[in-house]
Amino acid sequence: MKQILIITIFTFYSLSIFAQTFTQLPRYAIIDAALWQEDKEVLKEEGFTYRSLYRGSMQIELHSVAPYLVDISVSGREFIDEMVKQRPIERRVLWLHSELSIEDLRNHLRRFIYMKTDTNNRVFFRFYDPFVVNSTFPTLTQEWLTDFFEPIEYLITEDVRTNERRIVSLSVDKELQVKIEAIK
């Protein structure tokens, strides 16, 4: 069963649409520690390079609920195996590809942790949650999306409840592209 699930999660690598559009496999994943809790220890035990998207006192105070950027380019198989065991939709993993170093990508992503409301209040923005990507990204401005995707080639979300995988990127014309595929 485990092998079938691994194949299910990463069958998009062999899809011709994916191969034609993207030249690189995901290099990073973002996990939500609030949904991982003690399982976050797998990252330490397996020697993964990962960084909280929070810093300073917020990183210390909110470490158990923070989003973590994980470099899966070197030893990603163990992480992927763990994700499969933990049912990724419940853990809300966001897969992405960028050529930036983990530190540079962390700094870039930190700029999007907050959004302003219509009343000019600052609120947390969970851009790393696949549900938020799927529902909110299509409503964001082209300027915001262009800024966000500047160093990011694509994002991948999966929802086993609907059997859908979404590959989210910007077109050459800076328009949001969402390719929806069935998870087989």
N, C-alpha and C. Protein backbone atom coordinates (compact mmCIF):
# COMPACT_ATOMS: atom_id res chain seq x y z
N MET A 1 0.83 -1.20 0.00
CA MET A 1 0.00 0.00 0.00
C MET A 1 0.87 1.26 0.00
N LYS A 2 1.96 1.23 0.79
CA LYS A 2 2.84 2.38 0.87
C LYS A 2 3.41 2.74 -0.50
N GLN A 3 3.84 1.73 -1.27
CA GLN A 3 4.40 1.99 -2.59
C GLN A 3 3.35 2.59 -3.52
N ILE A 4 2.12 2.12 -3.42
CA ILE A 4 1.05 2.65 -4.25
C ILE A 4 0.83 4.11 -3.93
N LEU A 5 0.84 4.46 -2.65
CA LEU A 5 0.63 5.85 -2.26
C LEU A 5 1.77 6.75 -2.72
N ILE A 6 2.99 6.26 -2.63
CA ILE A 6 4.13 7.05 -3.11
C ILE A 6 3.97 7.30 -4.61
N ILE A 7 3.60 6.29 -5.34
CA ILE A 7 3.40 6.45 -6.77
C ILE A 7 2.25 7.42 -7.02
N THR A 8 1.19 7.34 -6.23
CA THR A 8 0.05 8.24 -6.39
C THR A 8 0.48 9.68 -6.21
N ILE A 9 1.24 9.97 -5.18
CA ILE A 9 1.62 11.35 -4.92
C ILE A 9 2.53 11.88 -6.01
N PHE A 10 3.41 11.07 -6.51
CA PHE A 10 4.39 11.60 -7.46
C PHE A 10 4.21 11.10 -8.89
N THR A 11 3.03 10.64 -9.24
CA THR A 11 2.81 10.26 -10.64
C THR A 11 2.87 11.47 -11.56
N PHE A 12 2.66 12.67 -11.02
CA PHE A 12 2.69 13.86 -11.86
C PHE A 12 4.06 14.07 -12.49
N TYR A 13 5.11 13.48 -11.92
CA TYR A 13 6.43 13.63 -12.51
C TYR A 13 6.49 13.05 -13.91
N SER A 14 5.76 11.98 -14.10
CA SER A 14 5.83 11.32 -15.40
C SER A 14 4.76 11.80 -16.37
N LEU A 15 3.86 12.64 -15.92
CA LEU A 15 2.82 13.13 -16.82
C LEU A 15 3.43 14.02 -17.89
N SER A 16 2.98 13.83 -19.12
CA SER A 16 3.56 14.61 -20.21
C SER A 16 3.30 16.10 -20.04
N ILE A 17 2.14 16.48 -19.53
CA ILE A 17 1.85 17.91 -19.32
C ILE A 17 2.87 18.51 -18.37
N PHE A 18 3.12 17.79 -17.28
CA PHE A 18 4.08 18.28 -16.30
C PHE A 18 5.47 18.37 -16.92
N ALA A 19 5.85 17.33 -17.62
CA ALA A 19 7.19 17.29 -18.22
C ALA A 19 7.37 18.41 -19.26
N GLN A 20 6.32 18.72 -19.98
CA GLN A 20 6.41 19.77 -20.98
C GLN A 20 6.48 21.15 -20.35
N THR A 21 5.86 21.31 -19.20
CA THR A 21 5.77 22.62 -18.57
C THR A 21 6.92 22.89 -17.62
N PHE A 22 7.31 21.90 -16.84
CA PHE A 22 8.30 22.11 -15.80
C PHE A 22 9.49 21.17 -15.99
N THR A 23 10.66 21.72 -15.80
CA THR A 23 11.87 20.94 -16.02
C THR A 23 12.44 20.36 -14.74
N GLN A 24 11.96 20.81 -13.59
CA GLN A 24 12.52 20.38 -12.32
C GLN A 24 11.45 19.78 -11.42
N LEU A 25 11.83 18.77 -10.65
CA LEU A 25 10.95 18.22 -9.62
C LEU A 25 10.92 19.18 -8.44
N PRO A 26 9.91 19.08 -7.59
CA PRO A 26 9.87 19.99 -6.43
C PRO A 26 11.15 19.89 -5.61
N ARG A 27 11.65 21.02 -5.21
CA ARG A 27 12.86 21.06 -4.40
C ARG A 27 12.54 21.27 -2.93
N TYR A 28 11.36 21.82 -2.69
CA TYR A 28 10.98 22.16 -1.32
C TYR A 28 9.56 21.71 -1.03
N ALA A 29 9.28 21.59 0.26
CA ALA A 29 7.92 21.41 0.76
C ALA A 29 7.74 22.38 1.91
N ILE A 30 6.53 22.83 2.10
CA ILE A 30 6.22 23.63 3.28
C ILE A 30 5.21 22.84 4.08
N ILE A 31 5.55 22.61 5.34
CA ILE A 31 4.65 21.88 6.23
C ILE A 31 4.17 22.83 7.32
N ASP A 32 3.03 22.52 7.86
CA ASP A 32 2.41 23.29 8.93
C ASP A 32 2.61 22.53 10.24
N ALA A 33 3.46 23.04 11.12
CA ALA A 33 3.76 22.34 12.37
C ALA A 33 2.52 22.15 13.23
N ALA A 34 1.53 23.01 13.09
CA ALA A 34 0.30 22.85 13.86
C ALA A 34 -0.39 21.53 13.51
N LEU A 35 -0.18 21.05 12.30
CA LEU A 35 -0.78 19.80 11.86
C LEU A 35 0.18 18.63 11.95
N TRP A 36 1.43 18.91 12.23
CA TRP A 36 2.43 17.86 12.34
C TRP A 36 2.77 17.54 13.77
N GLN A 37 2.79 18.52 14.63
CA GLN A 37 3.11 18.42 16.04
C GLN A 37 4.37 17.58 16.26
N GLU A 38 4.26 16.45 16.96
CA GLU A 38 5.48 15.69 17.29
C GLU A 38 6.14 15.07 16.07
N ASP A 39 5.41 14.89 14.99
CA ASP A 39 5.99 14.30 13.79
C ASP A 39 7.03 15.21 13.15
N LYS A 40 7.03 16.48 13.54
CA LYS A 40 8.05 17.41 13.03
C LYS A 40 9.44 16.93 13.42
N GLU A 41 9.52 16.12 14.45
CA GLU A 41 10.80 15.58 14.90
C GLU A 41 11.47 14.72 13.83
N VAL A 42 10.67 14.17 12.91
CA VAL A 42 11.23 13.38 11.80
C VAL A 42 12.26 14.20 11.04
N LEU A 43 11.99 15.47 10.89
CA LEU A 43 12.92 16.34 10.16
C LEU A 43 14.27 16.40 10.85
N LYS A 44 14.26 16.52 12.17
CA LYS A 44 15.52 16.56 12.93
C LYS A 44 16.23 15.21 12.87
N GLU A 45 15.46 14.16 13.11
CA GLU A 45 16.05 12.81 13.16
C GLU A 45 16.68 12.40 11.84
N GLU A 46 16.07 12.79 10.74
CA GLU A 46 16.56 12.39 9.42
C GLU A 46 17.59 13.37 8.85
N GLY A 47 17.87 14.46 9.56
CA GLY A 47 18.90 15.40 9.14
C GLY A 47 18.51 16.32 8.00
N PHE A 48 17.23 16.60 7.87
CA PHE A 48 16.77 17.50 6.82
C PHE A 48 17.17 18.93 7.12
N THR A 49 17.36 19.69 6.07
CA THR A 49 17.55 21.14 6.21
C THR A 49 16.17 21.76 6.16
N TYR A 50 15.79 22.47 7.19
CA TYR A 50 14.49 23.12 7.22
C TYR A 50 14.58 24.40 8.02
N ARG A 51 13.67 25.33 7.74
CA ARG A 51 13.65 26.62 8.41
C ARG A 51 12.22 27.04 8.69
N SER A 52 12.02 27.59 9.85
CA SER A 52 10.72 28.19 10.16
C SER A 52 10.56 29.44 9.31
N LEU A 53 9.34 29.69 8.87
CA LEU A 53 9.10 30.93 8.14
C LEU A 53 8.93 32.10 9.11
N TYR A 54 8.84 31.79 10.39
CA TYR A 54 8.82 32.85 11.40
C TYR A 54 10.23 33.08 11.89
N ARG A 55 10.46 34.22 12.51
CA ARG A 55 11.77 34.48 13.09
C ARG A 55 11.61 35.32 14.35
N GLY A 56 12.70 35.47 15.07
CA GLY A 56 12.68 36.27 16.30
C GLY A 56 11.78 35.66 17.35
N SER A 57 11.13 36.51 18.12
CA SER A 57 10.29 36.03 19.22
C SER A 57 9.11 35.22 18.71
N MET A 58 8.60 35.57 17.53
CA MET A 58 7.49 34.81 16.96
C MET A 58 7.93 33.37 16.65
N GLN A 59 9.16 33.19 16.19
CA GLN A 59 9.68 31.85 15.91
C GLN A 59 9.73 31.02 17.18
N ILE A 60 10.13 31.64 18.27
CA ILE A 60 10.23 30.93 19.55
C ILE A 60 8.83 30.65 20.11
N GLU A 61 8.00 31.67 20.15
CA GLU A 61 6.67 31.54 20.75
C GLU A 61 5.74 30.62 19.95
N LEU A 62 5.87 30.63 18.65
CA LEU A 62 4.94 29.89 17.80
C LEU A 62 5.59 28.69 17.10
N HIS A 63 6.69 28.21 17.63
CA HIS A 63 7.41 27.11 16.96
C HIS A 63 6.54 25.89 16.72
N SER A 64 5.59 25.62 17.60
CA SER A 64 4.78 24.41 17.47
C SER A 64 3.66 24.55 16.44
N VAL A 65 3.43 25.76 15.95
CA VAL A 65 2.37 25.97 14.95
C VAL A 65 2.88 26.70 13.72
N ALA A 66 4.17 26.85 13.61
CA ALA A 66 4.77 27.62 12.52
C ALA A 66 4.81 26.82 11.22
N PRO A 67 4.85 27.51 10.09
CA PRO A 67 5.12 26.84 8.82
C PRO A 67 6.63 26.63 8.68
N TYR A 68 7.03 25.48 8.15
CA TYR A 68 8.45 25.15 7.97
C TYR A 68 8.73 24.85 6.51
N LEU A 69 9.76 25.48 5.99
CA LEU A 69 10.25 25.23 4.65
C LEU A 69 11.27 24.11 4.74
N VAL A 70 11.07 23.03 3.98
CA VAL A 70 11.92 21.84 4.05
C VAL A 70 12.57 21.61 2.70
N ASP A 71 13.89 21.49 2.69
CA ASP A 71 14.62 21.18 1.46
C ASP A 71 14.56 19.67 1.25
N ILE A 72 13.87 19.24 0.20
CA ILE A 72 13.74 17.81 -0.07
C ILE A 72 14.60 17.39 -1.26
N SER A 73 15.49 18.27 -1.70
CA SER A 73 16.27 17.99 -2.90
C SER A 73 17.36 16.94 -2.69
N VAL A 74 17.85 16.81 -1.48
CA VAL A 74 18.94 15.88 -1.23
C VAL A 74 18.44 14.55 -0.69
N SER A 75 17.71 14.61 0.39
CA SER A 75 17.25 13.36 1.01
C SER A 75 15.74 13.34 1.14
N GLY A 76 15.09 13.71 0.07
CA GLY A 76 13.65 13.84 0.10
C GLY A 76 12.86 12.55 0.18
N ARG A 77 13.44 11.43 -0.20
CA ARG A 77 12.70 10.17 -0.22
C ARG A 77 12.14 9.83 1.17
N GLU A 78 12.94 10.01 2.23
CA GLU A 78 12.45 9.70 3.57
C GLU A 78 11.30 10.61 3.95
N PHE A 79 11.43 11.87 3.59
CA PHE A 79 10.37 12.83 3.90
C PHE A 79 9.10 12.47 3.13
N ILE A 80 9.26 12.13 1.87
CA ILE A 80 8.11 11.75 1.05
C ILE A 80 7.44 10.51 1.64
N ASP A 81 8.25 9.54 2.03
CA ASP A 81 7.69 8.33 2.65
C ASP A 81 6.89 8.68 3.90
N GLU A 82 7.44 9.57 4.70
CA GLU A 82 6.75 9.98 5.93
C GLU A 82 5.45 10.72 5.59
N MET A 83 5.50 11.54 4.57
CA MET A 83 4.30 12.27 4.17
C MET A 83 3.20 11.31 3.73
N VAL A 84 3.59 10.28 3.01
CA VAL A 84 2.62 9.30 2.54
C VAL A 84 1.97 8.60 3.74
N LYS A 85 2.78 8.24 4.71
CA LYS A 85 2.23 7.57 5.89
C LYS A 85 1.28 8.48 6.65
N GLN A 86 1.53 9.78 6.59
CA GLN A 86 0.76 10.72 7.40
C GLN A 86 -0.43 11.35 6.67
N ARG A 87 -0.79 10.84 5.51
CA ARG A 87 -1.92 11.37 4.75
C ARG A 87 -1.75 12.87 4.50
N PRO A 88 -1.13 13.25 3.40
CA PRO A 88 -0.76 14.64 3.14
C PRO A 88 -1.90 15.66 3.21
N ILE A 89 -3.12 15.26 2.89
CA ILE A 89 -4.19 16.26 2.94
C ILE A 89 -4.44 16.70 4.37
N GLU A 90 -4.31 15.80 5.31
CA GLU A 90 -4.49 16.17 6.71
C GLU A 90 -3.32 17.01 7.20
N ARG A 91 -2.18 16.81 6.60
CA ARG A 91 -0.98 17.55 7.00
C ARG A 91 -0.78 18.79 6.16
N ARG A 92 -1.55 18.93 5.12
CA ARG A 92 -1.54 20.12 4.27
C ARG A 92 -0.14 20.52 3.83
N VAL A 93 0.44 19.69 3.01
CA VAL A 93 1.78 19.94 2.48
C VAL A 93 1.68 20.70 1.17
N LEU A 94 2.52 21.70 1.04
CA LEU A 94 2.62 22.45 -0.21
C LEU A 94 3.98 22.11 -0.81
N TRP A 95 4.00 21.59 -2.03
CA TRP A 95 5.23 21.26 -2.73
C TRP A 95 5.55 22.42 -3.65
N LEU A 96 6.82 22.77 -3.79
CA LEU A 96 7.17 23.87 -4.69
C LEU A 96 8.57 23.71 -5.22
N HIS A 97 8.82 24.42 -6.32
CA HIS A 97 10.16 24.42 -6.89
C HIS A 97 10.65 25.85 -7.05
N SER A 98 11.89 26.06 -6.60
CA SER A 98 12.60 27.32 -6.77
C SER A 98 14.07 27.00 -6.80
N GLU A 99 14.81 27.79 -7.54
CA GLU A 99 16.26 27.63 -7.58
C GLU A 99 16.96 28.38 -6.44
N LEU A 100 16.21 29.15 -5.67
CA LEU A 100 16.81 29.88 -4.55
C LEU A 100 17.31 28.94 -3.48
N SER A 101 18.29 29.39 -2.72
CA SER A 101 18.74 28.64 -1.55
C SER A 101 17.61 28.66 -0.53
N ILE A 102 17.67 27.76 0.44
CA ILE A 102 16.62 27.72 1.45
C ILE A 102 16.53 29.04 2.22
N GLU A 103 17.66 29.66 2.49
CA GLU A 103 17.64 30.94 3.22
C GLU A 103 17.02 32.05 2.38
N ASP A 104 17.39 32.12 1.12
CA ASP A 104 16.83 33.16 0.25
C ASP A 104 15.33 32.95 0.01
N LEU A 105 14.93 31.69 -0.17
CA LEU A 105 13.52 31.41 -0.36
C LEU A 105 12.73 31.71 0.92
N ARG A 106 13.29 31.35 2.06
CA ARG A 106 12.65 31.68 3.34
C ARG A 106 12.43 33.18 3.45
N ASN A 107 13.45 33.96 3.15
CA ASN A 107 13.32 35.42 3.22
C ASN A 107 12.25 35.93 2.26
N HIS A 108 12.21 35.36 1.07
CA HIS A 108 11.18 35.75 0.11
C HIS A 108 9.79 35.42 0.65
N LEU A 109 9.59 34.21 1.11
CA LEU A 109 8.27 33.77 1.57
C LEU A 109 7.80 34.52 2.82
N ARG A 110 8.73 34.92 3.64
CA ARG A 110 8.37 35.66 4.86
C ARG A 110 7.61 36.95 4.54
N ARG A 111 7.83 37.50 3.39
CA ARG A 111 7.16 38.74 3.01
C ARG A 111 5.65 38.54 2.82
N PHE A 112 5.20 37.28 2.76
CA PHE A 112 3.79 37.00 2.47
C PHE A 112 3.05 36.42 3.67
N ILE A 113 3.68 36.41 4.83
CA ILE A 113 3.06 35.85 6.03
C ILE A 113 1.85 36.66 6.48
N TYR A 114 1.88 37.95 6.21
CA TYR A 114 0.77 38.83 6.60
C TYR A 114 0.09 39.42 5.37
N MET A 115 -1.19 39.74 5.55
CA MET A 115 -1.94 40.50 4.55
C MET A 115 -2.72 41.57 5.30
N LYS A 116 -3.07 42.61 4.59
CA LYS A 116 -3.92 43.64 5.19
C LYS A 116 -5.36 43.41 4.76
N THR A 117 -6.24 43.61 5.72
CA THR A 117 -7.67 43.47 5.44
C THR A 117 -8.19 44.77 4.83
N ASP A 118 -9.46 44.77 4.48
CA ASP A 118 -10.08 45.98 3.93
C ASP A 118 -10.04 47.14 4.92
N THR A 119 -10.01 46.79 6.21
CA THR A 119 -9.97 47.83 7.25
C THR A 119 -8.54 48.14 7.68
N ASN A 120 -7.58 47.67 6.88
CA ASN A 120 -6.16 47.94 7.09
C ASN A 120 -5.56 47.24 8.31
N ASN A 121 -6.22 46.21 8.81
CA ASN A 121 -5.66 45.39 9.88
C ASN A 121 -4.73 44.35 9.29
N ARG A 122 -3.66 44.05 9.98
CA ARG A 122 -2.71 43.04 9.53
C ARG A 122 -3.12 41.69 10.13
N VAL A 123 -3.25 40.68 9.27
CA VAL A 123 -3.63 39.34 9.71
C VAL A 123 -2.67 38.32 9.10
N PHE A 124 -2.54 37.18 9.78
CA PHE A 124 -1.74 36.10 9.21
C PHE A 124 -2.39 35.62 7.92
N PHE A 125 -1.55 35.34 6.94
CA PHE A 125 -2.02 34.79 5.68
C PHE A 125 -1.37 33.43 5.49
N ARG A 126 -2.16 32.39 5.49
CA ARG A 126 -1.66 31.02 5.43
C ARG A 126 -1.45 30.59 3.96
N PHE A 127 -0.61 31.30 3.26
CA PHE A 127 -0.35 31.00 1.83
C PHE A 127 0.21 29.61 1.64
N TYR A 128 0.74 29.02 2.68
CA TYR A 128 1.37 27.70 2.61
C TYR A 128 0.37 26.57 2.80
N ASP A 129 -0.88 26.89 3.06
CA ASP A 129 -1.93 25.89 3.24
C ASP A 129 -2.55 25.60 1.86
N PRO A 130 -2.52 24.36 1.39
CA PRO A 130 -3.08 24.06 0.08
C PRO A 130 -4.53 24.52 -0.10
N PHE A 131 -5.33 24.48 0.94
CA PHE A 131 -6.71 24.95 0.83
C PHE A 131 -6.74 26.44 0.52
N VAL A 132 -5.84 27.19 1.12
CA VAL A 132 -5.77 28.63 0.88
C VAL A 132 -5.29 28.89 -0.55
N VAL A 133 -4.29 28.15 -0.99
CA VAL A 133 -3.81 28.29 -2.37
C VAL A 133 -4.96 28.06 -3.34
N ASN A 134 -5.68 26.98 -3.14
CA ASN A 134 -6.74 26.61 -4.07
C ASN A 134 -7.90 27.61 -4.08
N SER A 135 -8.23 28.17 -2.92
CA SER A 135 -9.39 29.05 -2.86
C SER A 135 -9.04 30.53 -2.99
N THR A 136 -7.88 30.95 -2.51
CA THR A 136 -7.56 32.37 -2.45
C THR A 136 -6.70 32.85 -3.61
N PHE A 137 -5.73 32.07 -4.04
CA PHE A 137 -4.83 32.55 -5.08
C PHE A 137 -5.56 33.06 -6.33
N PRO A 138 -6.63 32.40 -6.78
CA PRO A 138 -7.31 32.93 -7.97
C PRO A 138 -7.93 34.32 -7.76
N THR A 139 -8.07 34.76 -6.52
CA THR A 139 -8.67 36.07 -6.25
C THR A 139 -7.62 37.17 -6.01
N LEU A 140 -6.36 36.81 -5.96
CA LEU A 140 -5.31 37.79 -5.66
C LEU A 140 -4.95 38.60 -6.90
N THR A 141 -4.39 39.77 -6.67
CA THR A 141 -4.05 40.65 -7.79
C THR A 141 -2.87 40.08 -8.58
N GLN A 142 -2.80 40.49 -9.82
CA GLN A 142 -1.70 40.07 -10.68
C GLN A 142 -0.37 40.56 -10.10
N GLU A 143 -0.37 41.75 -9.54
CA GLU A 143 0.84 42.30 -8.93
C GLU A 143 1.31 41.43 -7.76
N TRP A 144 0.39 41.02 -6.90
CA TRP A 144 0.75 40.18 -5.76
C TRP A 144 1.29 38.85 -6.26
N LEU A 145 0.59 38.24 -7.20
CA LEU A 145 1.00 36.94 -7.73
C LEU A 145 2.36 37.01 -8.41
N THR A 146 2.60 38.07 -9.17
CA THR A 146 3.88 38.25 -9.85
C THR A 146 5.01 38.35 -8.83
N ASP A 147 4.77 39.09 -7.78
CA ASP A 147 5.76 39.23 -6.71
C ASP A 147 6.00 37.89 -6.02
N PHE A 148 4.94 37.20 -5.70
CA PHE A 148 5.05 35.91 -5.00
C PHE A 148 5.79 34.88 -5.85
N PHE A 149 5.40 34.76 -7.11
CA PHE A 149 5.96 33.71 -7.97
C PHE A 149 7.29 34.08 -8.62
N GLU A 150 7.78 35.28 -8.38
CA GLU A 150 9.02 35.70 -9.04
C GLU A 150 10.11 34.63 -8.97
N PRO A 151 10.45 34.10 -7.79
CA PRO A 151 11.49 33.07 -7.74
C PRO A 151 10.94 31.63 -7.68
N ILE A 152 9.63 31.48 -7.82
CA ILE A 152 9.00 30.17 -7.67
C ILE A 152 8.46 29.72 -9.03
N GLU A 153 8.91 28.57 -9.47
CA GLU A 153 8.47 28.07 -10.77
C GLU A 153 7.04 27.55 -10.70
N TYR A 154 6.71 26.81 -9.63
CA TYR A 154 5.36 26.26 -9.48
C TYR A 154 5.13 25.81 -8.05
N LEU A 155 3.86 25.63 -7.71
CA LEU A 155 3.40 25.03 -6.46
C LEU A 155 2.56 23.81 -6.83
N ILE A 156 2.52 22.84 -5.94
CA ILE A 156 1.65 21.69 -6.16
C ILE A 156 0.85 21.45 -4.88
N THR A 157 -0.45 21.31 -5.05
CA THR A 157 -1.32 20.93 -3.94
C THR A 157 -2.04 19.65 -4.34
N GLU A 158 -2.41 18.86 -3.35
CA GLU A 158 -3.18 17.66 -3.62
C GLU A 158 -4.31 17.56 -2.61
N ASP A 159 -5.43 17.05 -3.08
CA ASP A 159 -6.58 16.85 -2.21
C ASP A 159 -7.15 15.47 -2.52
N VAL A 160 -6.87 14.52 -1.64
CA VAL A 160 -7.34 13.15 -1.87
C VAL A 160 -8.85 13.04 -1.68
N ARG A 161 -9.46 14.01 -1.02
CA ARG A 161 -10.92 13.98 -0.85
C ARG A 161 -11.61 14.18 -2.19
N THR A 162 -11.03 15.00 -3.05
CA THR A 162 -11.62 15.26 -4.37
C THR A 162 -10.83 14.57 -5.48
N ASN A 163 -9.76 13.87 -5.10
CA ASN A 163 -8.87 13.20 -6.06
C ASN A 163 -8.31 14.17 -7.08
N GLU A 164 -7.92 15.36 -6.60
CA GLU A 164 -7.37 16.38 -7.49
C GLU A 164 -5.96 16.80 -7.07
N ARG A 165 -5.17 17.04 -8.07
CA ARG A 165 -3.85 17.64 -7.89
C ARG A 165 -3.88 18.95 -8.67
N ARG A 166 -3.39 20.01 -8.07
CA ARG A 166 -3.35 21.30 -8.74
C ARG A 166 -1.91 21.75 -8.86
N ILE A 167 -1.52 22.09 -10.06
CA ILE A 167 -0.19 22.65 -10.32
C ILE A 167 -0.43 24.12 -10.62
N VAL A 168 0.11 24.96 -9.76
CA VAL A 168 -0.17 26.39 -9.81
C VAL A 168 1.12 27.12 -10.19
N SER A 169 1.00 28.00 -11.19
CA SER A 169 2.17 28.76 -11.65
C SER A 169 1.67 30.03 -12.34
N LEU A 170 2.62 30.82 -12.81
CA LEU A 170 2.28 31.99 -13.61
C LEU A 170 2.67 31.73 -15.06
N SER A 171 1.83 32.20 -15.96
CA SER A 171 2.13 32.08 -17.38
C SER A 171 3.17 33.12 -17.76
N VAL A 172 3.63 33.06 -18.98
CA VAL A 172 4.57 34.05 -19.50
C VAL A 172 3.96 35.45 -19.41
N ASP A 173 2.63 35.52 -19.55
CA ASP A 173 1.92 36.80 -19.47
C ASP A 173 1.59 37.20 -18.03
N LYS A 174 2.14 36.48 -17.07
CA LYS A 174 1.94 36.76 -15.64
C LYS A 174 0.51 36.52 -15.18
N GLU A 175 -0.18 35.60 -15.85
CA GLU A 175 -1.52 35.21 -15.45
C GLU A 175 -1.43 33.91 -14.66
N LEU A 176 -2.27 33.78 -13.64
CA LEU A 176 -2.29 32.56 -12.84
C LEU A 176 -2.75 31.39 -13.69
N GLN A 177 -1.98 30.32 -13.64
CA GLN A 177 -2.33 29.08 -14.33
C GLN A 177 -2.57 28.02 -13.27
N VAL A 178 -3.68 27.32 -13.39
CA VAL A 178 -3.97 26.22 -12.47
C VAL A 178 -4.34 25.03 -13.33
N LYS A 179 -3.49 24.03 -13.30
CA LYS A 179 -3.77 22.79 -14.03
C LYS A 179 -4.30 21.79 -13.01
N ILE A 180 -5.48 21.31 -13.27
CA ILE A 180 -6.12 20.35 -12.37
C ILE A 180 -6.03 18.98 -13.01
N GLU A 181 -5.51 18.04 -12.25
CA GLU A 181 -5.35 16.67 -12.74
C GLU A 181 -5.99 15.72 -11.75
N ALA A 182 -6.44 14.62 -12.23
CA ALA A 182 -6.98 13.59 -11.36
C ALA A 182 -5.82 12.83 -10.72
N ILE A 183 -5.97 12.54 -9.45
CA ILE A 183 -4.99 11.69 -8.76
C ILE A 183 -5.43 10.26 -9.04
N LYS A 184 -4.52 9.50 -9.59
CA LYS A 184 -4.88 8.12 -9.95
C LYS A 184 -4.35 7.15 -8.94
